[in-house]
């Protein structure tokens, strides 16, 4: 990541993750709950690894691939990736 890459707010990151999940499961974004287990939408290991790679590209940093298994909801993913200043970089 470069120093000029803008920070992403928790709300922006949550919306982005919901959009990616919605795209994967082919459902409207409005149907993706922030506290619903991603496995309830059919998230599998292939999707988890793909989403992890997309998160790395989106945030410009490396993310442990086990992050999505330890944090199985949109809210818990965001909480893990957002720093004390309320942004993810």
PDB file of N, CA and C in Angstrom:
ATOM      1  N   UNK A   1       0.835  -1.173   0.000  1.00  0.00           N
ATOM      2  CA  UNK A   1       0.000   0.000   0.000  1.00  0.00           C
ATOM      3  C   UNK A   1       0.880   1.236   0.000  1.00  0.00           C
ATOM      4  N   UNK A   2       0.446   2.256  -0.688  1.00  0.00           N
ATOM      5  CA  UNK A   2       1.181   3.505  -0.685  1.00  0.00           C
ATOM      6  C   UNK A   2       0.589   4.434   0.355  1.00  0.00           C
ATOM      7  N   UNK A   3       1.379   5.416   0.756  1.00  0.00           N
ATOM      8  CA  UNK A   3       0.893   6.373   1.749  1.00  0.00           C
ATOM      9  C   UNK A   3      -0.246   7.215   1.203  1.00  0.00           C
ATOM     10  N   UNK A   4      -0.393   7.291  -0.120  1.00  0.00           N
ATOM     11  CA  UNK A   4      -1.441   8.108  -0.710  1.00  0.00           C
ATOM     12  C   UNK A   4      -2.758   7.353  -0.860  1.00  0.00           C
ATOM     13  N   UNK A   5      -2.768   6.064  -0.578  1.00  0.00           N
ATOM     14  CA  UNK A   5      -4.005   5.288  -0.683  1.00  0.00           C
ATOM     15  C   UNK A   5      -4.945   5.757   0.423  1.00  0.00           C
ATOM     16  N   UNK A   6      -6.168   6.148   0.041  1.00  0.00           N
ATOM     17  CA  UNK A   6      -7.082   6.664   1.064  1.00  0.00           C
ATOM     18  C   UNK A   6      -7.552   5.572   2.020  1.00  0.00           C
ATOM     19  N   UNK A   7      -7.816   5.992   3.236  1.00  0.00           N
ATOM     20  CA  UNK A   7      -8.378   5.075   4.226  1.00  0.00           C
ATOM     21  C   UNK A   7      -9.829   4.806   3.859  1.00  0.00           C
ATOM     22  N   UNK A   8     -10.312   3.654   4.251  1.00  0.00           N
ATOM     23  CA  UNK A   8     -11.695   3.250   4.007  1.00  0.00           C
ATOM     24  C   UNK A   8     -12.405   3.222   5.353  1.00  0.00           C
ATOM     25  N   UNK A   9     -13.542   3.900   5.448  1.00  0.00           N
ATOM     26  CA  UNK A   9     -14.272   3.908   6.714  1.00  0.00           C
ATOM     27  C   UNK A   9     -14.912   2.551   6.961  1.00  0.00           C
ATOM     28  N   UNK A  10     -15.291   2.314   8.203  1.00  0.00           N
ATOM     29  CA  UNK A  10     -15.956   1.059   8.558  1.00  0.00           C
ATOM     30  C   UNK A  10     -17.242   0.887   7.749  1.00  0.00           C
ATOM     31  N   UNK A  11     -18.006   1.961   7.601  1.00  0.00           N
ATOM     32  CA  UNK A  11     -19.261   1.883   6.837  1.00  0.00           C
ATOM     33  C   UNK A  11     -18.986   1.554   5.368  1.00  0.00           C
ATOM     34  N   UNK A  12     -17.971   2.186   4.792  1.00  0.00           N
ATOM     35  CA  UNK A  12     -17.626   1.911   3.390  1.00  0.00           C
ATOM     36  C   UNK A  12     -17.163   0.473   3.210  1.00  0.00           C
ATOM     37  N   UNK A  13     -16.355  -0.001   4.145  1.00  0.00           N
ATOM     38  CA  UNK A  13     -15.862  -1.371   4.054  1.00  0.00           C
ATOM     39  C   UNK A  13     -17.011  -2.361   4.210  1.00  0.00           C
ATOM     40  N   UNK A  14     -17.900  -2.113   5.142  1.00  0.00           N
ATOM     41  CA  UNK A  14     -19.055  -2.990   5.334  1.00  0.00           C
ATOM     42  C   UNK A  14     -19.907  -3.060   4.079  1.00  0.00           C
ATOM     43  N   UNK A  15     -20.143  -1.917   3.462  1.00  0.00           N
ATOM     44  CA  UNK A  15     -20.930  -1.893   2.223  1.00  0.00           C
ATOM     45  C   UNK A  15     -20.200  -2.656   1.112  1.00  0.00           C
ATOM     46  N   UNK A  16     -18.910  -2.469   1.013  1.00  0.00           N
ATOM     47  CA  UNK A  16     -18.119  -3.154  -0.012  1.00  0.00           C
ATOM     48  C   UNK A  16     -18.181  -4.670   0.188  1.00  0.00           C
ATOM     49  N   UNK A  17     -18.022  -5.131   1.419  1.00  0.00           N
ATOM     50  CA  UNK A  17     -18.079  -6.573   1.688  1.00  0.00           C
ATOM     51  C   UNK A  17     -19.476  -7.105   1.361  1.00  0.00           C
ATOM     52  N   UNK A  18     -20.521  -6.389   1.757  1.00  0.00           N
ATOM     53  CA  UNK A  18     -21.886  -6.828   1.430  1.00  0.00           C
ATOM     54  C   UNK A  18     -22.087  -6.916  -0.082  1.00  0.00           C
ATOM     55  N   UNK A  19     -21.548  -5.958  -0.823  1.00  0.00           N
ATOM     56  CA  UNK A  19     -21.659  -5.984  -2.288  1.00  0.00           C
ATOM     57  C   UNK A  19     -20.959  -7.205  -2.884  1.00  0.00           C
ATOM     58  N   UNK A  20     -19.783  -7.520  -2.356  1.00  0.00           N
ATOM     59  CA  UNK A  20     -19.040  -8.682  -2.871  1.00  0.00           C
ATOM     60  C   UNK A  20     -19.791  -9.973  -2.552  1.00  0.00           C
ATOM     61  N   UNK A  21     -20.331 -10.084  -1.330  1.00  0.00           N
ATOM     62  CA  UNK A  21     -21.099 -11.275  -0.957  1.00  0.00           C
ATOM     63  C   UNK A  21     -22.334 -11.375  -1.845  1.00  0.00           C
ATOM     64  N   UNK A  22     -23.048 -10.271  -2.027  1.00  0.00           N
ATOM     65  CA  UNK A  22     -24.251 -10.268  -2.864  1.00  0.00           C
ATOM     66  C   UNK A  22     -23.931 -10.713  -4.283  1.00  0.00           C
ATOM     67  N   UNK A  23     -22.820 -10.238  -4.809  1.00  0.00           N
ATOM     68  CA  UNK A  23     -22.417 -10.628  -6.159  1.00  0.00           C
ATOM     69  C   UNK A  23     -22.148 -12.132  -6.218  1.00  0.00           C
ATOM     70  N   UNK A  24     -21.449 -12.632  -5.231  1.00  0.00           N
ATOM     71  CA  UNK A  24     -21.101 -14.057  -5.211  1.00  0.00           C
ATOM     72  C   UNK A  24     -22.343 -14.938  -5.118  1.00  0.00           C
ATOM     73  N   UNK A  25     -23.281 -14.574  -4.266  1.00  0.00           N
ATOM     74  CA  UNK A  25     -24.470 -15.418  -4.057  1.00  0.00           C
ATOM     75  C   UNK A  25     -25.639 -15.014  -4.947  1.00  0.00           C
ATOM     76  N   UNK A  26     -25.411 -14.008  -5.787  1.00  0.00           N
ATOM     77  CA  UNK A  26     -26.399 -13.537  -6.755  1.00  0.00           C
ATOM     78  C   UNK A  26     -27.723 -13.159  -6.093  1.00  0.00           C
ATOM     79  N   UNK A  27     -27.577 -12.292  -5.102  1.00  0.00           N
ATOM     80  CA  UNK A  27     -28.743 -11.763  -4.380  1.00  0.00           C
ATOM     81  C   UNK A  27     -28.587 -10.252  -4.294  1.00  0.00           C
ATOM     82  N   UNK A  28     -29.673  -9.534  -4.074  1.00  0.00           N
ATOM     83  CA  UNK A  28     -29.562  -8.082  -3.889  1.00  0.00           C
ATOM     84  C   UNK A  28     -28.751  -7.758  -2.631  1.00  0.00           C
ATOM     85  N   UNK A  29     -28.008  -6.669  -2.703  1.00  0.00           N
ATOM     86  CA  UNK A  29     -27.205  -6.242  -1.552  1.00  0.00           C
ATOM     87  C   UNK A  29     -28.089  -6.062  -0.322  1.00  0.00           C
ATOM     88  N   UNK A  30     -29.293  -5.588  -0.517  1.00  0.00           N
ATOM     89  CA  UNK A  30     -30.211  -5.367   0.616  1.00  0.00           C
ATOM     90  C   UNK A  30     -30.538  -6.658   1.360  1.00  0.00           C
ATOM     91  N   UNK A  31     -30.366  -7.800   0.710  1.00  0.00           N
ATOM     92  CA  UNK A  31     -30.632  -9.098   1.347  1.00  0.00           C
ATOM     93  C   UNK A  31     -29.474  -9.589   2.215  1.00  0.00           C
ATOM     94  N   UNK A  32     -28.327  -8.928   2.130  1.00  0.00           N
ATOM     95  CA  UNK A  32     -27.137  -9.388   2.852  1.00  0.00           C
ATOM     96  C   UNK A  32     -27.074  -8.674   4.198  1.00  0.00           C
ATOM     97  N   UNK A  33     -27.338  -9.425   5.253  1.00  0.00           N
ATOM     98  CA  UNK A  33     -27.314  -8.868   6.604  1.00  0.00           C
ATOM     99  C   UNK A  33     -25.905  -8.779   7.146  1.00  0.00           C
ATOM    100  N   UNK A  34     -25.643  -7.729   7.879  1.00  0.00           N
ATOM    101  CA  UNK A  34     -24.288  -7.528   8.402  1.00  0.00           C
ATOM    102  C   UNK A  34     -23.949  -8.463   9.564  1.00  0.00           C
ATOM    103  N   UNK A  35     -24.985  -9.084  10.174  1.00  0.00           N
ATOM    104  CA  UNK A  35     -24.728  -9.998  11.289  1.00  0.00           C
ATOM    105  C   UNK A  35     -25.117 -11.441  10.961  1.00  0.00           C
ATOM    106  N   UNK A  36     -25.466 -11.701   9.713  1.00  0.00           N
ATOM    107  CA  UNK A  36     -25.819 -13.055   9.282  1.00  0.00           C
ATOM    108  C   UNK A  36     -24.545 -13.819   8.945  1.00  0.00           C
ATOM    109  N   UNK A  37     -24.476 -15.069   9.357  1.00  0.00           N
ATOM    110  CA  UNK A  37     -23.316 -15.887   9.020  1.00  0.00           C
ATOM    111  C   UNK A  37     -23.182 -15.993   7.507  1.00  0.00           C
ATOM    112  N   UNK A  38     -21.990 -15.741   6.999  1.00  0.00           N
ATOM    113  CA  UNK A  38     -21.780 -15.814   5.556  1.00  0.00           C
ATOM    114  C   UNK A  38     -22.033 -17.223   5.030  1.00  0.00           C
ATOM    115  N   UNK A  39     -21.833 -18.217   5.865  1.00  0.00           N
ATOM    116  CA  UNK A  39     -22.119 -19.594   5.450  1.00  0.00           C
ATOM    117  C   UNK A  39     -23.608 -19.783   5.188  1.00  0.00           C
ATOM    118  N   UNK A  40     -24.463 -18.984   5.821  1.00  0.00           N
ATOM    119  CA  UNK A  40     -25.901 -19.050   5.564  1.00  0.00           C
ATOM    120  C   UNK A  40     -26.236 -18.643   4.133  1.00  0.00           C
ATOM    121  N   UNK A  41     -25.342 -17.877   3.517  1.00  0.00           N
ATOM    122  CA  UNK A  41     -25.522 -17.480   2.120  1.00  0.00           C
ATOM    123  C   UNK A  41     -24.835 -18.451   1.156  1.00  0.00           C
ATOM    124  N   UNK A  42     -24.164 -19.449   1.701  1.00  0.00           N
ATOM    125  CA  UNK A  42     -23.479 -20.431   0.866  1.00  0.00           C
ATOM    126  C   UNK A  42     -21.994 -20.168   0.682  1.00  0.00           C
ATOM    127  N   UNK A  43     -21.407 -19.342   1.559  1.00  0.00           N
ATOM    128  CA  UNK A  43     -19.976 -19.078   1.461  1.00  0.00           C
ATOM    129  C   UNK A  43     -19.210 -20.375   1.658  1.00  0.00           C
ATOM    130  N   UNK A  44     -18.314 -20.658   0.741  1.00  0.00           N
ATOM    131  CA  UNK A  44     -17.476 -21.843   0.842  1.00  0.00           C
ATOM    132  C   UNK A  44     -16.013 -21.413   0.860  1.00  0.00           C
ATOM    133  N   UNK A  45     -15.118 -22.373   0.915  1.00  0.00           N
ATOM    134  CA  UNK A  45     -13.691 -22.050   1.027  1.00  0.00           C
ATOM    135  C   UNK A  45     -13.175 -21.309  -0.199  1.00  0.00           C
ATOM    136  N   UNK A  46     -13.697 -21.619  -1.371  1.00  0.00           N
ATOM    137  CA  UNK A  46     -13.256 -20.924  -2.585  1.00  0.00           C
ATOM    138  C   UNK A  46     -13.656 -19.454  -2.510  1.00  0.00           C
ATOM    139  N   UNK A  47     -14.904 -19.194  -2.106  1.00  0.00           N
ATOM    140  CA  UNK A  47     -15.348 -17.813  -1.970  1.00  0.00           C
ATOM    141  C   UNK A  47     -14.544 -17.097  -0.891  1.00  0.00           C
ATOM    142  N   UNK A  48     -14.290 -17.755   0.222  1.00  0.00           N
ATOM    143  CA  UNK A  48     -13.545 -17.126   1.314  1.00  0.00           C
ATOM    144  C   UNK A  48     -12.156 -16.692   0.846  1.00  0.00           C
ATOM    145  N   UNK A  49     -11.486 -17.552   0.101  1.00  0.00           N
ATOM    146  CA  UNK A  49     -10.155 -17.198  -0.399  1.00  0.00           C
ATOM    147  C   UNK A  49     -10.234 -16.088  -1.437  1.00  0.00           C
ATOM    148  N   UNK A  50     -11.250 -16.135  -2.280  1.00  0.00           N
ATOM    149  CA  UNK A  50     -11.437 -15.083  -3.287  1.00  0.00           C
ATOM    150  C   UNK A  50     -11.719 -13.740  -2.621  1.00  0.00           C
ATOM    151  N   UNK A  51     -12.614 -13.750  -1.625  1.00  0.00           N
ATOM    152  CA  UNK A  51     -12.934 -12.515  -0.924  1.00  0.00           C
ATOM    153  C   UNK A  51     -11.718 -11.979  -0.182  1.00  0.00           C
ATOM    154  N   UNK A  52     -10.939 -12.854   0.394  1.00  0.00           N
ATOM    155  CA  UNK A  52      -9.727 -12.434   1.092  1.00  0.00           C
ATOM    156  C   UNK A  52      -8.778 -11.738   0.109  1.00  0.00           C
ATOM    157  N   UNK A  53      -8.595 -12.313  -1.073  1.00  0.00           N
ATOM    158  CA  UNK A  53      -7.725 -11.708  -2.086  1.00  0.00           C
ATOM    159  C   UNK A  53      -8.280 -10.358  -2.539  1.00  0.00           C
ATOM    160  N   UNK A  54      -9.598 -10.266  -2.704  1.00  0.00           N
ATOM    161  CA  UNK A  54     -10.210  -9.001  -3.095  1.00  0.00           C
ATOM    162  C   UNK A  54     -10.051  -7.953  -1.995  1.00  0.00           C
ATOM    163  N   UNK A  55     -10.189  -8.371  -0.740  1.00  0.00           N
ATOM    164  CA  UNK A  55      -9.969  -7.448   0.377  1.00  0.00           C
ATOM    165  C   UNK A  55      -8.538  -6.929   0.378  1.00  0.00           C
ATOM    166  N   UNK A  56      -7.581  -7.811   0.118  1.00  0.00           N
ATOM    167  CA  UNK A  56      -6.180  -7.385   0.059  1.00  0.00           C
ATOM    168  C   UNK A  56      -5.992  -6.331  -1.018  1.00  0.00           C
ATOM    169  N   UNK A  57      -6.576  -6.568  -2.199  1.00  0.00           N
ATOM    170  CA  UNK A  57      -6.467  -5.592  -3.285  1.00  0.00           C
ATOM    171  C   UNK A  57      -7.177  -4.292  -2.923  1.00  0.00           C
ATOM    172  N   UNK A  58      -8.345  -4.402  -2.336  1.00  0.00           N
ATOM    173  CA  UNK A  58      -9.150  -3.226  -1.983  1.00  0.00           C
ATOM    174  C   UNK A  58      -8.461  -2.363  -0.926  1.00  0.00           C
ATOM    175  N   UNK A  59      -7.854  -3.010   0.049  1.00  0.00           N
ATOM    176  CA  UNK A  59      -7.226  -2.273   1.150  1.00  0.00           C
ATOM    177  C   UNK A  59      -5.736  -2.034   0.948  1.00  0.00           C
ATOM    178  N   UNK A  60      -5.142  -2.749  -0.007  1.00  0.00           N
ATOM    179  CA  UNK A  60      -3.721  -2.564  -0.268  1.00  0.00           C
ATOM    180  C   UNK A  60      -2.821  -3.131   0.806  1.00  0.00           C
ATOM    181  N   UNK A  61      -3.275  -4.195   1.443  1.00  0.00           N
ATOM    182  CA  UNK A  61      -2.439  -4.839   2.469  1.00  0.00           C
ATOM    183  C   UNK A  61      -2.746  -6.322   2.520  1.00  0.00           C
ATOM    184  N   UNK A  62      -1.838  -7.069   3.110  1.00  0.00           N
ATOM    185  CA  UNK A  62      -2.005  -8.509   3.236  1.00  0.00           C
ATOM    186  C   UNK A  62      -2.980  -8.831   4.369  1.00  0.00           C
ATOM    187  N   UNK A  63      -3.817  -9.832   4.111  1.00  0.00           N
ATOM    188  CA  UNK A  63      -4.795 -10.262   5.117  1.00  0.00           C
ATOM    189  C   UNK A  63      -4.673 -11.770   5.277  1.00  0.00           C
ATOM    190  N   UNK A  64      -4.594 -12.225   6.495  1.00  0.00           N
ATOM    191  CA  UNK A  64      -4.517 -13.656   6.791  1.00  0.00           C
ATOM    192  C   UNK A  64      -5.754 -14.344   6.226  1.00  0.00           C
ATOM    193  N   UNK A  65      -5.559 -15.405   5.464  1.00  0.00           N
ATOM    194  CA  UNK A  65      -6.688 -16.092   4.818  1.00  0.00           C
ATOM    195  C   UNK A  65      -7.665 -16.694   5.831  1.00  0.00           C
ATOM    196  N   UNK A  66      -7.232 -16.924   7.047  1.00  0.00           N
ATOM    197  CA  UNK A  66      -8.127 -17.480   8.071  1.00  0.00           C
ATOM    198  C   UNK A  66      -9.040 -16.413   8.681  1.00  0.00           C
ATOM    199  N   UNK A  67      -8.816 -15.155   8.341  1.00  0.00           N
ATOM    200  CA  UNK A  67      -9.612 -14.061   8.897  1.00  0.00           C
ATOM    201  C   UNK A  67     -11.102 -14.274   8.675  1.00  0.00           C
ATOM    202  N   UNK A  68     -11.479 -14.735   7.489  1.00  0.00           N
ATOM    203  CA  UNK A  68     -12.901 -14.902   7.186  1.00  0.00           C
ATOM    204  C   UNK A  68     -13.513 -16.070   7.932  1.00  0.00           C
ATOM    205  N   UNK A  69     -12.734 -17.063   8.273  1.00  0.00           N
ATOM    206  CA  UNK A  69     -13.276 -18.199   9.039  1.00  0.00           C
ATOM    207  C   UNK A  69     -13.413 -17.837  10.509  1.00  0.00           C
ATOM    208  N   UNK A  70     -12.498 -17.005  10.998  1.00  0.00           N
ATOM    209  CA  UNK A  70     -12.584 -16.569  12.392  1.00  0.00           C
ATOM    210  C   UNK A  70     -13.640 -15.481  12.583  1.00  0.00           C
ATOM    211  N   UNK A  71     -14.008 -14.823  11.493  1.00  0.00           N
ATOM    212  CA  UNK A  71     -14.963 -13.710  11.525  1.00  0.00           C
ATOM    213  C   UNK A  71     -16.037 -13.966  10.475  1.00  0.00           C
ATOM    214  N   UNK A  72     -17.051 -14.727  10.822  1.00  0.00           N
ATOM    215  CA  UNK A  72     -17.984 -15.242   9.823  1.00  0.00           C
ATOM    216  C   UNK A  72     -19.149 -14.321   9.429  1.00  0.00           C
ATOM    217  N   UNK A  73     -19.115 -13.061   9.843  1.00  0.00           N
ATOM    218  CA  UNK A  73     -20.163 -12.117   9.439  1.00  0.00           C
ATOM    219  C   UNK A  73     -19.501 -10.867   8.870  1.00  0.00           C
ATOM    220  N   UNK A  74     -20.272 -10.072   8.145  1.00  0.00           N
ATOM    221  CA  UNK A  74     -19.746  -8.814   7.608  1.00  0.00           C
ATOM    222  C   UNK A  74     -19.258  -7.933   8.749  1.00  0.00           C
ATOM    223  N   UNK A  75     -20.069  -7.784   9.790  1.00  0.00           N
ATOM    224  CA  UNK A  75     -19.678  -6.924  10.921  1.00  0.00           C
ATOM    225  C   UNK A  75     -18.379  -7.386  11.572  1.00  0.00           C
ATOM    226  N   UNK A  76     -18.225  -8.689  11.761  1.00  0.00           N
ATOM    227  CA  UNK A  76     -17.008  -9.157  12.432  1.00  0.00           C
ATOM    228  C   UNK A  76     -15.774  -9.003  11.531  1.00  0.00           C
ATOM    229  N   UNK A  77     -15.945  -9.136  10.230  1.00  0.00           N
ATOM    230  CA  UNK A  77     -14.826  -8.893   9.300  1.00  0.00           C
ATOM    231  C   UNK A  77     -14.407  -7.431   9.396  1.00  0.00           C
ATOM    232  N   UNK A  78     -15.381  -6.543   9.326  1.00  0.00           N
ATOM    233  CA  UNK A  78     -15.097  -5.110   9.394  1.00  0.00           C
ATOM    234  C   UNK A  78     -14.440  -4.761  10.723  1.00  0.00           C
ATOM    235  N   UNK A  79     -14.983  -5.271  11.829  1.00  0.00           N
ATOM    236  CA  UNK A  79     -14.408  -4.985  13.148  1.00  0.00           C
ATOM    237  C   UNK A  79     -12.945  -5.412  13.232  1.00  0.00           C
ATOM    238  N   UNK A  80     -12.612  -6.518  12.575  1.00  0.00           N
ATOM    239  CA  UNK A  80     -11.245  -7.027  12.601  1.00  0.00           C
ATOM    240  C   UNK A  80     -10.301  -6.177  11.748  1.00  0.00           C
ATOM    241  N   UNK A  81     -10.802  -5.640  10.653  1.00  0.00           N
ATOM    242  CA  UNK A  81      -9.952  -4.932   9.707  1.00  0.00           C
ATOM    243  C   UNK A  81      -9.854  -3.429   9.939  1.00  0.00           C
ATOM    244  N   UNK A  82     -10.762  -2.890  10.733  1.00  0.00           N
ATOM    245  CA  UNK A  82     -10.772  -1.453  10.992  1.00  0.00           C
ATOM    246  C   UNK A  82      -9.934  -1.153  12.228  1.00  0.00           C
ATOM    247  N   UNK A  83      -9.112  -0.143  12.111  1.00  0.00           N
ATOM    248  CA  UNK A  83      -8.236   0.233  13.212  1.00  0.00           C
ATOM    249  C   UNK A  83      -8.922   1.130  14.219  1.00  0.00           C
ATOM    250  N   UNK A  84      -8.184   1.540  15.243  1.00  0.00           N
ATOM    251  CA  UNK A  84      -8.752   2.377  16.301  1.00  0.00           C
ATOM    252  C   UNK A  84      -9.226   3.729  15.804  1.00  0.00           C
ATOM    253  N   UNK A  85      -8.723   4.181  14.645  1.00  0.00           N
ATOM    254  CA  UNK A  85      -9.164   5.469  14.101  1.00  0.00           C
ATOM    255  C   UNK A  85     -10.450   5.347  13.296  1.00  0.00           C
ATOM    256  N   UNK A  86     -11.020   4.116  13.222  1.00  0.00           N
ATOM    257  CA  UNK A  86     -12.274   3.930  12.513  1.00  0.00           C
ATOM    258  C   UNK A  86     -12.135   3.694  11.029  1.00  0.00           C
ATOM    259  N   UNK A  87     -10.890   3.484  10.569  1.00  0.00           N
ATOM    260  CA  UNK A  87     -10.669   3.252   9.147  1.00  0.00           C
ATOM    261  C   UNK A  87      -9.837   1.991   8.933  1.00  0.00           C
ATOM    262  N   UNK A  88      -9.968   1.462   7.739  1.00  0.00           N
ATOM    263  CA  UNK A  88      -9.142   0.327   7.316  1.00  0.00           C
ATOM    264  C   UNK A  88      -8.219   0.834   6.230  1.00  0.00           C
ATOM    265  N   UNK A  89      -7.003   0.418   6.288  1.00  0.00           N
ATOM    266  CA  UNK A  89      -6.010   0.798   5.257  1.00  0.00           C
ATOM    267  C   UNK A  89      -5.400  -0.446   4.691  1.00  0.00           C
TER     268      UNK A  89
END
